[in-house]
């Protein structure tokens, strides 16, 4: 199964990729992929055997209110 030539590209902070048409996107255009996150976390844990904690640092809200 190949990649469609007309697939939309997306840019992240570090890497570029192709937009997955089956995933929802946030208001900022970030795609939400809980199964992919779970897979990645399991891979990291299996390799390094250290606890992993996901934390969130909100730098800005849509209304301009800082946390």
C-alpha atoms as a PDB file:
ATOM      1  CA  UNK A   1       0.000   0.000   0.000  1.00  0.00           C
ATOM      2  CA  UNK A   2       1.598   3.252  -1.120  1.00  0.00           C
ATOM      3  CA  UNK A   3       1.240   6.869  -0.132  1.00  0.00           C
ATOM      4  CA  UNK A   4      -1.104   9.002  -2.186  1.00  0.00           C
ATOM      5  CA  UNK A   5       0.707  11.702  -4.144  1.00  0.00           C
ATOM      6  CA  UNK A   6      -2.057  14.213  -3.390  1.00  0.00           C
ATOM      7  CA  UNK A   7      -1.952  13.695   0.410  1.00  0.00           C
ATOM      8  CA  UNK A   8      -1.754  16.932   2.369  1.00  0.00           C
ATOM      9  CA  UNK A   9       1.570  17.522   4.099  1.00  0.00           C
ATOM     10  CA  UNK A  10       1.833  18.731   7.676  1.00  0.00           C
ATOM     11  CA  UNK A  11       4.691  20.298   9.586  1.00  0.00           C
ATOM     12  CA  UNK A  12       5.493  19.767  13.231  1.00  0.00           C
ATOM     13  CA  UNK A  13       8.098  21.243  15.522  1.00  0.00           C
ATOM     14  CA  UNK A  14      10.784  18.811  14.402  1.00  0.00           C
ATOM     15  CA  UNK A  15       9.620  16.750  11.459  1.00  0.00           C
ATOM     16  CA  UNK A  16       7.342  16.941   8.483  1.00  0.00           C
ATOM     17  CA  UNK A  17       4.880  14.275   7.507  1.00  0.00           C
ATOM     18  CA  UNK A  18       1.661  13.527   5.732  1.00  0.00           C
ATOM     19  CA  UNK A  19      -1.751  14.284   7.146  1.00  0.00           C
ATOM     20  CA  UNK A  20      -3.708  11.194   8.154  1.00  0.00           C
ATOM     21  CA  UNK A  21      -7.236  11.641   6.760  1.00  0.00           C
ATOM     22  CA  UNK A  22      -8.658   9.336   9.467  1.00  0.00           C
ATOM     23  CA  UNK A  23      -7.535  11.472  12.426  1.00  0.00           C
ATOM     24  CA  UNK A  24      -9.226  14.532  13.892  1.00  0.00           C
ATOM     25  CA  UNK A  25      -7.245  17.750  14.252  1.00  0.00           C
ATOM     26  CA  UNK A  26      -7.227  20.317  17.050  1.00  0.00           C
ATOM     27  CA  UNK A  27      -8.027  24.002  16.582  1.00  0.00           C
ATOM     28  CA  UNK A  28      -4.333  24.580  15.855  1.00  0.00           C
ATOM     29  CA  UNK A  29      -4.203  21.850  13.203  1.00  0.00           C
ATOM     30  CA  UNK A  30      -2.433  19.247  15.349  1.00  0.00           C
ATOM     31  CA  UNK A  31      -3.744  15.775  14.687  1.00  0.00           C
ATOM     32  CA  UNK A  32      -4.956  13.752  17.655  1.00  0.00           C
ATOM     33  CA  UNK A  33      -3.755  10.137  17.565  1.00  0.00           C
ATOM     34  CA  UNK A  34      -4.311   8.330  20.893  1.00  0.00           C
ATOM     35  CA  UNK A  35      -3.446   4.889  19.475  1.00  0.00           C
ATOM     36  CA  UNK A  36      -0.226   6.236  17.955  1.00  0.00           C
ATOM     37  CA  UNK A  37       0.688   7.895  21.251  1.00  0.00           C
ATOM     38  CA  UNK A  38       0.083   4.647  23.112  1.00  0.00           C
ATOM     39  CA  UNK A  39       2.221   2.734  20.609  1.00  0.00           C
ATOM     40  CA  UNK A  40       5.060   5.263  20.862  1.00  0.00           C
ATOM     41  CA  UNK A  41       4.993   5.246  24.680  1.00  0.00           C
ATOM     42  CA  UNK A  42       5.078   1.437  24.760  1.00  0.00           C
ATOM     43  CA  UNK A  43       8.027   1.410  22.350  1.00  0.00           C
ATOM     44  CA  UNK A  44       9.954   3.915  24.477  1.00  0.00           C
ATOM     45  CA  UNK A  45       9.199   2.016  27.683  1.00  0.00           C
ATOM     46  CA  UNK A  46      10.172  -1.329  26.148  1.00  0.00           C
ATOM     47  CA  UNK A  47      13.492   0.123  25.014  1.00  0.00           C
ATOM     48  CA  UNK A  48      14.536   2.127  28.091  1.00  0.00           C
ATOM     49  CA  UNK A  49      12.487   0.618  30.963  1.00  0.00           C
ATOM     50  CA  UNK A  50      11.930   3.938  32.711  1.00  0.00           C
ATOM     51  CA  UNK A  51       8.654   5.501  33.878  1.00  0.00           C
ATOM     52  CA  UNK A  52       7.115   7.943  31.415  1.00  0.00           C
ATOM     53  CA  UNK A  53       4.920  10.869  32.437  1.00  0.00           C
ATOM     54  CA  UNK A  54       3.080  13.055  29.986  1.00  0.00           C
ATOM     55  CA  UNK A  55       2.820  16.631  31.180  1.00  0.00           C
ATOM     56  CA  UNK A  56       1.301  19.619  29.495  1.00  0.00           C
ATOM     57  CA  UNK A  57       2.541  23.164  29.622  1.00  0.00           C
ATOM     58  CA  UNK A  58      -0.038  25.585  28.319  1.00  0.00           C
ATOM     59  CA  UNK A  59       1.712  28.662  27.062  1.00  0.00           C
ATOM     60  CA  UNK A  60      -1.351  30.325  25.601  1.00  0.00           C
ATOM     61  CA  UNK A  61      -5.093  29.830  25.366  1.00  0.00           C
ATOM     62  CA  UNK A  62      -7.241  30.916  22.426  1.00  0.00           C
ATOM     63  CA  UNK A  63      -8.680  33.759  24.478  1.00  0.00           C
ATOM     64  CA  UNK A  64      -5.211  35.154  25.172  1.00  0.00           C
ATOM     65  CA  UNK A  65      -5.332  34.229  28.852  1.00  0.00           C
ATOM     66  CA  UNK A  66      -1.966  33.024  30.172  1.00  0.00           C
ATOM     67  CA  UNK A  67      -1.725  30.246  32.744  1.00  0.00           C
END
